Amino acid sequence: MKVFVTGATGLLGNNVVRALRARGDEVVGLVRSREKGERMLGDTGARLVVGDVRESAAFAAELGSCDAVVHTAAYFREYYQPGDHAQLLEDVNVRATLELLALADGAGVSRFVHTSSSGTVGPKADGSAGDEDSAPPPIARENLYFKSKVDGDAKIRAFVPRSGMKVIEILPGWMWGPGDAGPTSAGQVALDFLRRKLPGIPPGGASVVDARDVADAMLAALDRAEHGARYLVAGRAMTLAEVFAELERASGVRAPAMRIPYWLAMTVATWNEAVTSITGKPSTVTKSGVRALSAPRVLSSARAERELGARFRPFAETARDVVAWYREHPLAT
């Protein structure tokens, strides 16, 4: 199979590229920087194409020779900073995705696997674990990243391929793993932990999943998922205290002892955002991030386990590999 992968240097994208290459598939990876692409993927044998997902016409010719597209590119990391990001979220997560979908369909691509977010899934009406058929949670109305995914997903489901292309959606949990050079919010937490920059343990948690397990589920979806299928690949629900405990065991760095209540976390986030607006430096904690981690959601990945054979490694293994990768790549960020 020849597969076009967007966001190829991202946490999920580079693990998808590696998984595809490991089983012998040909890969064309879309990257924004050739230097970063060669640094991150030079050992994989993937062919790199430099481009911006918002300008898909510039690389559209590449799609004609591909059997499948795995779309992992999204605008999310920068969103967790103060400022108005609504237009960029719309441009990248909705408009660009729909344009790429139409181009792939026109080029005769047989399968299109799109990366959504578990943040679009709320609990069931009876309070039990949410699944692919659950309504979005209340936070998806105020968190603009989640909202962009809810809006985009609805338009993707309304898209009718003319060529018979099968469109499949994967909804990952909070992804962690080696190769997080961005870094994502998870990678930033790991780096701040290793640098002893975290004064305490914030409230809340999330469904935590290894990006390599998400990549494996995506490959299974490429092989056998049906058109319109949606799969939560959410992993295990963990509190931040549990995440920090595993990072401590993996690194030898002592986890903070102080528990930070929600009101204090929001106060700190408000202060950090005010400082950021003056200095222009990235904020280490934002109100949207605190709210997202404090919104309780239990999710079920049973469909992906049953139909795709999805499996989730212990977070202890993920934490060890994340710590090792950052110690081996100190300049990754």
Protein backbone atom coordinates (compact mmCIF):
# COMPACT_ATOMS: atom_id res chain seq x y z
CA MET A 1 0.00 0.00 0.00
CA LYS A 2 1.14 3.56 -0.70
CA VAL A 3 -0.06 5.96 1.98
CA PHE A 4 -0.04 9.77 2.14
CA VAL A 5 0.39 10.93 5.77
CA THR A 6 -0.25 14.54 6.79
CA GLY A 7 1.35 15.95 9.92
CA ALA A 8 4.13 13.42 9.45
CA THR A 9 6.50 14.92 12.04
CA GLY A 10 3.84 15.22 14.75
CA LEU A 11 3.52 12.84 17.68
CA LEU A 12 0.87 10.70 16.00
CA GLY A 13 2.03 11.28 12.42
CA ASN A 14 5.60 10.13 12.91
CA ASN A 15 4.44 7.02 14.75
CA VAL A 16 2.00 6.26 11.93
CA VAL A 17 4.83 6.65 9.40
CA ARG A 18 7.04 4.28 11.40
CA ALA A 19 4.29 1.70 11.78
CA LEU A 20 3.52 1.79 8.05
CA ARG A 21 7.17 1.47 7.08
CA ALA A 22 7.70 -1.36 9.58
CA ARG A 23 5.16 -3.48 7.74
CA GLY A 24 6.53 -2.57 4.31
CA ASP A 25 4.13 0.10 3.09
CA GLU A 26 5.36 2.99 0.95
CA VAL A 27 4.86 6.37 2.64
CA VAL A 28 4.68 9.95 1.39
CA GLY A 29 4.85 12.28 4.38
CA LEU A 30 3.61 15.87 4.31
CA VAL A 31 5.88 18.08 6.43
CA ARG A 32 6.11 21.83 6.94
CA SER A 33 9.90 21.79 7.34
CA ARG A 34 12.26 19.58 5.35
CA GLU A 35 14.96 19.97 7.99
CA LYS A 36 12.65 18.76 10.73
CA GLY A 37 11.24 16.05 8.50
CA GLU A 38 14.68 14.66 7.76
CA ARG A 39 15.65 14.89 11.42
CA MET A 40 12.52 13.10 12.60
CA LEU A 41 11.96 10.64 9.74
CA GLY A 42 15.26 10.36 7.87
CA ASP A 43 15.77 6.83 9.13
CA THR A 44 12.37 5.56 7.91
CA GLY A 45 12.74 5.67 4.14
CA ALA A 46 9.56 7.73 3.81
CA ARG A 47 9.51 10.26 0.96
CA LEU A 48 8.93 13.77 2.27
CA VAL A 49 6.83 16.47 0.62
CA VAL A 50 7.05 20.00 2.01
CA GLY A 51 3.73 21.78 2.19
CA ASP A 52 0.97 23.34 4.26
CA VAL A 53 -2.25 21.40 4.73
CA ARG A 54 -4.14 24.68 4.21
CA GLU A 55 -2.76 24.83 0.66
CA SER A 56 -3.64 21.35 -0.52
CA ALA A 57 -3.68 22.26 -4.21
CA ALA A 58 0.11 22.57 -4.03
CA PHE A 59 0.53 18.86 -3.24
CA ALA A 60 -2.66 17.48 -4.79
CA ALA A 61 -0.73 15.73 -7.57
CA GLU A 62 0.86 13.46 -4.95
CA LEU A 63 -2.51 11.93 -4.08
CA GLY A 64 -3.09 10.35 -7.49
CA SER A 65 -0.54 7.60 -6.90
CA CYS A 66 -1.63 6.85 -3.33
CA ASP A 67 -3.97 4.12 -2.13
CA ALA A 68 -4.83 5.83 1.15
CA VAL A 69 -4.56 9.04 3.15
CA VAL A 70 -3.98 9.19 6.91
CA HIS A 71 -4.79 12.73 8.03
CA THR A 72 -3.16 13.53 11.38
CA ALA A 73 -2.39 17.23 10.83
CA ALA A 74 -4.42 19.60 13.01
CA TYR A 75 -4.18 22.95 14.72
CA PHE A 76 -4.22 22.36 18.46
CA ARG A 77 -0.92 23.01 20.23
CA GLU A 78 -0.87 26.77 19.67
CA TYR A 79 -4.53 26.98 20.65
CA TYR A 80 -3.58 26.32 24.26
CA GLN A 81 -2.17 29.83 24.44
CA PRO A 82 -4.03 33.10 25.01
CA GLY A 83 -5.49 34.86 21.99
CA ASP A 84 -8.17 34.49 19.35
CA HIS A 85 -7.56 31.24 17.47
CA ALA A 86 -11.07 30.68 16.09
CA GLN A 87 -10.19 31.43 12.46
CA LEU A 88 -7.10 29.20 12.39
CA LEU A 89 -9.02 26.36 14.03
CA GLU A 90 -11.69 26.70 11.34
CA ASP A 91 -9.14 26.99 8.52
CA VAL A 92 -7.05 23.96 9.50
CA ASN A 93 -9.39 21.58 11.31
CA VAL A 94 -12.48 22.10 9.17
CA ARG A 95 -11.88 23.81 5.82
CA ALA A 96 -8.50 22.26 5.00
CA THR A 97 -9.70 18.82 6.03
CA LEU A 98 -12.75 19.01 3.77
CA GLU A 99 -10.62 20.24 0.86
CA LEU A 100 -8.18 17.36 1.34
CA LEU A 101 -11.08 14.92 1.55
CA ALA A 102 -12.48 16.16 -1.77
CA LEU A 103 -9.06 16.07 -3.47
CA ALA A 104 -8.43 12.51 -2.27
CA ASP A 105 -11.84 11.44 -3.52
CA GLY A 106 -11.20 13.05 -6.89
CA ALA A 107 -7.80 11.38 -7.13
CA GLY A 108 -9.28 7.91 -6.63
CA VAL A 109 -7.84 7.27 -3.17
CA SER A 110 -9.54 4.20 -1.73
CA ARG A 111 -9.34 4.98 2.01
CA PHE A 112 -9.16 8.15 4.08
CA VAL A 113 -8.49 7.86 7.81
CA HIS A 114 -9.14 11.10 9.68
CA THR A 115 -7.95 11.95 13.19
CA SER A 116 -10.63 13.50 15.34
CA SER A 117 -10.57 13.79 19.16
CA SER A 118 -12.06 12.00 22.14
CA GLY A 119 -12.88 15.53 23.35
CA THR A 120 -15.91 15.35 21.05
CA VAL A 121 -17.43 12.51 23.11
CA GLY A 122 -19.42 12.99 26.31
CA PRO A 123 -20.89 10.46 28.73
CA LYS A 124 -24.06 8.60 27.93
CA ALA A 125 -27.35 9.97 29.23
CA ASP A 126 -27.28 7.53 32.16
CA GLY A 127 -23.76 8.67 33.13
CA SER A 128 -21.99 5.56 31.87
CA ALA A 129 -18.87 5.62 29.71
CA GLY A 130 -19.21 7.55 26.48
CA ASP A 131 -18.72 5.86 23.12
CA GLU A 132 -18.77 6.77 19.43
CA ASP A 133 -22.53 7.33 19.49
CA SER A 134 -22.57 9.66 22.51
CA ALA A 135 -23.34 13.38 22.20
CA PRO A 136 -20.50 15.89 22.65
CA PRO A 137 -19.77 16.96 26.25
CA PRO A 138 -20.66 20.45 27.50
CA ILE A 139 -16.99 21.53 27.36
CA ALA A 140 -17.04 21.07 23.57
CA ARG A 141 -19.23 24.16 23.36
CA GLU A 142 -16.62 26.40 25.04
CA ASN A 143 -13.32 24.70 24.13
CA LEU A 144 -12.74 25.99 20.61
CA TYR A 145 -10.43 23.10 19.64
CA PHE A 146 -13.03 20.50 20.61
CA LYS A 147 -15.72 22.60 18.93
CA SER A 148 -13.72 22.68 15.68
CA LYS A 149 -13.53 18.90 15.78
CA VAL A 150 -17.26 18.52 16.48
CA ASP A 151 -18.08 20.85 13.56
CA GLY A 152 -15.55 19.21 11.25
CA ASP A 153 -16.68 15.69 12.11
CA ALA A 154 -20.29 16.55 11.28
CA LYS A 155 -19.25 17.84 7.86
CA ILE A 156 -17.03 14.82 7.24
CA ARG A 157 -19.93 12.48 8.01
CA ALA A 158 -22.10 14.45 5.57
CA PHE A 159 -19.49 14.10 2.81
CA VAL A 160 -20.55 11.61 0.11
CA PRO A 161 -17.55 10.22 -1.81
CA ARG A 162 -18.08 9.98 -5.55
CA SER A 163 -15.34 7.43 -6.13
CA GLY A 164 -16.31 4.89 -3.49
CA MET A 165 -13.60 6.11 -1.11
CA LYS A 166 -14.06 4.82 2.43
CA VAL A 167 -13.81 7.50 5.11
CA ILE A 168 -12.98 6.36 8.65
CA GLU A 169 -12.52 8.42 11.82
CA ILE A 170 -10.22 7.68 14.76
CA LEU A 171 -10.84 9.54 18.04
CA PRO A 172 -7.73 9.31 20.24
CA GLY A 173 -7.50 10.08 23.93
CA TRP A 174 -4.76 12.30 25.38
CA MET A 175 -1.78 11.03 23.44
CA TRP A 176 1.67 10.44 24.93
CA GLY A 177 4.68 8.75 23.42
CA PRO A 178 8.21 9.00 22.06
CA GLY A 179 8.81 11.32 19.13
CA ASP A 180 6.85 14.23 20.59
CA ALA A 181 9.12 16.98 19.24
CA GLY A 182 6.42 19.67 19.04
CA PRO A 183 5.79 19.17 21.87
CA THR A 184 2.10 18.47 22.36
CA SER A 185 0.51 19.35 25.71
CA ALA A 186 1.50 15.88 26.98
CA GLY A 187 5.09 16.36 25.90
CA GLN A 188 5.20 19.79 27.54
CA VAL A 189 3.94 18.28 30.80
CA ALA A 190 6.69 15.64 30.59
CA LEU A 191 9.38 18.23 29.87
CA ASP A 192 8.20 20.53 32.66
CA PHE A 193 8.17 17.54 35.02
CA LEU A 194 11.72 16.53 34.08
CA ARG A 195 12.90 20.15 34.46
CA ARG A 196 11.22 20.35 37.89
CA LYS A 197 9.11 23.29 36.74
CA LEU A 198 5.80 21.97 38.10
CA PRO A 199 5.04 23.37 41.56
CA GLY A 200 2.21 20.98 42.31
CA ILE A 201 -0.27 18.46 40.95
CA PRO A 202 -3.13 20.13 39.06
CA PRO A 203 -6.67 18.81 39.37
CA GLY A 204 -8.29 16.41 36.96
CA GLY A 205 -7.05 13.94 34.40
CA ALA A 206 -7.95 12.37 31.09
CA SER A 207 -8.11 9.17 29.10
CA VAL A 208 -4.43 8.59 28.36
CA VAL A 209 -3.23 6.60 25.35
CA ASP A 210 0.12 5.81 23.74
CA ALA A 211 0.40 7.32 20.25
CA ARG A 212 1.89 4.03 19.02
CA ASP A 213 -1.30 2.22 20.04
CA VAL A 214 -3.35 4.82 18.16
CA ALA A 215 -1.10 4.34 15.12
CA ASP A 216 -1.65 0.57 15.25
CA ALA A 217 -5.42 1.11 15.36
CA MET A 218 -5.18 3.41 12.35
CA LEU A 219 -3.35 0.75 10.35
CA ALA A 220 -6.02 -1.77 11.27
CA ALA A 221 -8.66 0.74 10.13
CA LEU A 222 -6.81 1.12 6.82
CA ASP A 223 -6.99 -2.63 6.34
CA ARG A 224 -10.54 -3.47 7.30
CA ALA A 225 -12.78 -0.63 8.55
CA GLU A 226 -15.95 0.17 6.65
CA HIS A 227 -16.98 3.55 5.28
CA GLY A 228 -18.38 5.84 7.97
CA ALA A 229 -16.89 3.89 10.86
CA ARG A 230 -15.79 5.86 13.93
CA TYR A 231 -13.51 4.46 16.60
CA LEU A 232 -12.63 5.80 20.02
CA VAL A 233 -9.04 4.84 20.80
CA ALA A 234 -8.97 6.45 24.20
CA GLY A 235 -6.80 4.26 26.42
CA ARG A 236 -7.10 4.34 30.21
CA ALA A 237 -8.62 7.03 32.43
CA MET A 238 -5.89 8.47 34.67
CA THR A 239 -5.64 11.37 37.09
CA LEU A 240 -2.72 13.75 36.76
CA ALA A 241 -1.49 12.45 40.11
CA GLU A 242 -1.28 8.95 38.61
CA VAL A 243 0.51 10.30 35.51
CA PHE A 244 3.05 12.12 37.68
CA ALA A 245 3.63 9.00 39.80
CA GLU A 246 4.54 7.02 36.68
CA LEU A 247 6.81 9.81 35.43
CA GLU A 248 8.56 9.75 38.82
CA ARG A 249 9.12 6.00 38.61
CA ALA A 250 10.37 6.27 35.03
CA SER A 251 12.71 9.21 35.58
CA GLY A 252 13.80 9.23 39.20
CA VAL A 253 12.62 12.85 39.40
CA ARG A 254 10.43 13.35 42.45
CA ALA A 255 6.84 14.34 41.68
CA PRO A 256 5.46 17.48 43.33
CA ALA A 257 3.82 16.80 46.67
CA MET A 258 1.36 19.69 46.74
CA ARG A 259 -2.14 19.24 45.33
CA ILE A 260 -3.39 22.34 43.51
CA PRO A 261 -7.15 22.94 43.85
CA TYR A 262 -9.17 23.96 40.81
CA TRP A 263 -9.67 27.56 41.95
CA LEU A 264 -5.93 28.04 42.43
CA ALA A 265 -5.12 26.43 39.06
CA MET A 266 -7.52 28.84 37.36
CA THR A 267 -6.01 31.79 39.24
CA VAL A 268 -2.51 30.79 38.15
CA ALA A 269 -3.71 30.27 34.56
CA THR A 270 -5.34 33.72 34.52
CA TRP A 271 -2.11 35.29 35.79
CA ASN A 272 0.03 33.38 33.28
CA GLU A 273 -2.17 34.47 30.40
CA ALA A 274 -1.89 38.10 31.51
CA VAL A 275 1.91 37.81 31.63
CA THR A 276 1.94 36.14 28.22
CA SER A 277 -0.08 38.98 26.70
CA ILE A 278 2.65 41.38 27.84
CA THR A 279 5.83 39.36 27.23
CA GLY A 280 4.77 37.24 24.24
CA LYS A 281 6.32 34.17 25.87
CA PRO A 282 4.28 30.91 25.87
CA SER A 283 2.06 30.34 28.88
CA THR A 284 2.86 27.21 30.89
CA VAL A 285 -0.77 26.83 31.97
CA THR A 286 -3.95 28.23 30.43
CA LYS A 287 -7.57 28.42 31.50
CA SER A 288 -8.70 26.29 28.56
CA GLY A 289 -6.18 23.60 29.51
CA VAL A 290 -7.27 23.58 33.16
CA ARG A 291 -10.93 23.33 32.15
CA ALA A 292 -10.24 20.50 29.67
CA LEU A 293 -8.37 18.39 32.23
CA SER A 294 -10.94 19.10 34.93
CA ALA A 295 -13.96 18.00 32.87
CA PRO A 296 -14.56 14.39 33.97
CA ARG A 297 -15.13 11.96 31.10
CA VAL A 298 -14.98 8.17 31.12
CA LEU A 299 -14.71 6.71 27.63
CA SER A 300 -15.10 3.25 26.17
CA SER A 301 -12.80 1.95 23.42
CA ALA A 302 -14.70 -1.35 23.23
CA ARG A 303 -15.59 -0.96 19.54
CA ALA A 304 -11.95 -0.39 18.53
CA GLU A 305 -10.86 -3.33 20.69
CA ARG A 306 -13.51 -5.56 19.17
CA GLU A 307 -13.30 -4.54 15.49
CA LEU A 308 -9.71 -3.29 15.12
CA GLY A 309 -7.99 -5.40 17.75
CA ALA A 310 -6.88 -2.24 19.56
CA ARG A 311 -4.69 -2.87 22.59
CA PHE A 312 -3.36 -0.43 25.16
CA ARG A 313 0.05 -0.82 26.74
CA PRO A 314 0.53 0.12 30.40
CA PHE A 315 1.28 3.81 30.91
CA ALA A 316 4.37 2.78 32.86
CA GLU A 317 5.88 1.60 29.57
CA THR A 318 4.85 4.79 27.80
CA ALA A 319 6.33 6.95 30.57
CA ARG A 320 9.66 5.10 30.40
CA ASP A 321 9.84 5.57 26.64
CA VAL A 322 8.86 9.25 26.80
CA VAL A 323 11.51 9.98 29.43
CA ALA A 324 14.14 8.06 27.46
CA TRP A 325 13.27 9.87 24.22
CA TYR A 326 13.51 13.33 25.76
CA ARG A 327 16.80 12.48 27.42
CA GLU A 328 18.14 11.24 24.10
CA HIS A 329 16.77 14.26 22.20
CA PRO A 330 17.32 17.26 24.51
CA LEU A 331 16.96 19.70 21.59
CA ALA A 332 13.80 18.11 20.20
CA THR A 333 11.70 21.15 21.08
